[in-house]
Amino acid sequence: MSVFLATVKPRYSVINVAVDSLNCAAMSATAVALSALAMHTS
């Protein structure tokens, strides 16, 4: 499906990839922060 989108709407898919990677980075940072907090409190 992403390949289809990439061929039809290149700009749209590029934005989606950027947003996806930002979301992934934010989730990873949150997970790291939460696990660090858990380690400190326990």
N, C-alpha and C. Protein backbone atom coordinates (compact mmCIF):
# COMPACT_ATOMS: atom_id res chain seq x y z
N MET A 1 0.83 -1.20 0.00
CA MET A 1 0.00 0.00 0.00
C MET A 1 0.87 1.25 0.00
N SER A 2 1.94 1.24 0.78
CA SER A 2 2.81 2.42 0.84
C SER A 2 3.50 2.66 -0.50
N VAL A 3 3.82 1.57 -1.21
CA VAL A 3 4.43 1.71 -2.53
C VAL A 3 3.43 2.37 -3.48
N PHE A 4 2.19 1.96 -3.40
CA PHE A 4 1.13 2.55 -4.22
C PHE A 4 1.00 4.04 -3.93
N LEU A 5 0.99 4.40 -2.67
CA LEU A 5 0.90 5.82 -2.29
C LEU A 5 2.12 6.58 -2.79
N ALA A 6 3.28 5.95 -2.71
CA ALA A 6 4.51 6.62 -3.13
C ALA A 6 4.48 6.94 -4.62
N THR A 7 3.85 6.07 -5.40
CA THR A 7 3.80 6.31 -6.85
C THR A 7 2.74 7.35 -7.18
N VAL A 8 1.65 7.37 -6.41
CA VAL A 8 0.55 8.30 -6.71
C VAL A 8 0.80 9.68 -6.12
N LYS A 9 1.17 9.71 -4.84
CA LYS A 9 1.37 11.00 -4.16
C LYS A 9 2.74 11.02 -3.48
N PRO A 10 3.80 11.33 -4.20
CA PRO A 10 5.14 11.31 -3.61
C PRO A 10 5.28 12.26 -2.42
N ARG A 11 4.79 13.49 -2.56
CA ARG A 11 4.93 14.45 -1.45
C ARG A 11 4.18 13.99 -0.22
N TYR A 12 2.98 13.51 -0.44
CA TYR A 12 2.15 13.05 0.67
C TYR A 12 2.83 11.92 1.44
N SER A 13 3.41 10.97 0.69
CA SER A 13 4.03 9.82 1.34
C SER A 13 5.32 10.24 2.06
N VAL A 14 6.04 11.19 1.50
CA VAL A 14 7.25 11.68 2.16
C VAL A 14 6.89 12.31 3.50
N ILE A 15 5.82 13.10 3.50
CA ILE A 15 5.36 13.72 4.75
C ILE A 15 4.95 12.64 5.75
N ASN A 16 4.25 11.63 5.25
CA ASN A 16 3.83 10.54 6.13
C ASN A 16 5.02 9.82 6.75
N VAL A 17 6.03 9.56 5.94
CA VAL A 17 7.23 8.89 6.45
C VAL A 17 7.90 9.75 7.52
N ALA A 18 7.98 11.05 7.27
CA ALA A 18 8.59 11.96 8.24
C ALA A 18 7.80 11.95 9.54
N VAL A 19 6.48 12.02 9.44
CA VAL A 19 5.63 12.01 10.63
C VAL A 19 5.77 10.68 11.37
N ASP A 20 5.79 9.59 10.61
CA ASP A 20 5.92 8.27 11.22
C ASP A 20 7.24 8.14 11.98
N SER A 21 8.33 8.60 11.38
CA SER A 21 9.62 8.48 12.05
C SER A 21 9.68 9.39 13.26
N LEU A 22 9.04 10.57 13.18
CA LEU A 22 8.98 11.46 14.34
C LEU A 22 8.19 10.80 15.46
N ASN A 23 7.06 10.22 15.13
CA ASN A 23 6.24 9.53 16.12
C ASN A 23 7.02 8.39 16.76
N CYS A 24 7.73 7.65 15.93
CA CYS A 24 8.52 6.52 16.42
C CYS A 24 9.61 7.02 17.38
N ALA A 25 10.28 8.10 17.01
CA ALA A 25 11.33 8.66 17.86
C ALA A 25 10.74 9.15 19.17
N ALA A 26 9.58 9.80 19.10
CA ALA A 26 8.93 10.30 20.31
C ALA A 26 8.53 9.15 21.22
N MET A 27 8.00 8.08 20.64
CA MET A 27 7.60 6.93 21.43
C MET A 27 8.82 6.26 22.07
N SER A 28 9.91 6.18 21.33
CA SER A 28 11.13 5.58 21.87
C SER A 28 11.66 6.42 23.02
N ALA A 29 11.67 7.74 22.83
CA ALA A 29 12.15 8.64 23.89
C ALA A 29 11.28 8.51 25.12
N THR A 30 9.97 8.42 24.92
CA THR A 30 9.04 8.27 26.05
C THR A 30 9.30 6.95 26.77
N ALA A 31 9.50 5.89 26.01
CA ALA A 31 9.74 4.58 26.60
C ALA A 31 11.03 4.59 27.41
N VAL A 32 12.06 5.22 26.86
CA VAL A 32 13.35 5.31 27.57
C VAL A 32 13.18 6.11 28.86
N ALA A 33 12.47 7.23 28.77
CA ALA A 33 12.26 8.07 29.95
C ALA A 33 11.48 7.31 31.01
N LEU A 34 10.44 6.60 30.59
CA LEU A 34 9.63 5.85 31.55
C LEU A 34 10.42 4.74 32.20
N SER A 35 11.22 4.02 31.43
CA SER A 35 12.00 2.93 32.01
C SER A 35 13.07 3.48 32.94
N ALA A 36 13.64 4.64 32.60
CA ALA A 36 14.63 5.26 33.47
C ALA A 36 13.97 5.68 34.78
N LEU A 37 12.77 6.24 34.68
CA LEU A 37 12.02 6.62 35.89
C LEU A 37 11.74 5.40 36.74
N ALA A 38 11.31 4.32 36.10
CA ALA A 38 10.98 3.10 36.83
C ALA A 38 12.21 2.56 37.55
N MET A 39 13.37 2.64 36.91
CA MET A 39 14.60 2.16 37.53
C MET A 39 14.95 3.00 38.76
N HIS A 40 14.76 4.33 38.63
CA HIS A 40 15.11 5.22 39.74
C HIS A 40 14.17 5.01 40.93
N THR A 41 12.89 4.80 40.65
CA THR A 41 11.93 4.70 41.74
C THR A 41 12.00 3.35 42.44
N SER A 42 12.31 2.29 41.70
CA SER A 42 12.30 0.96 42.30
C SER A 42 13.57 0.71 43.12
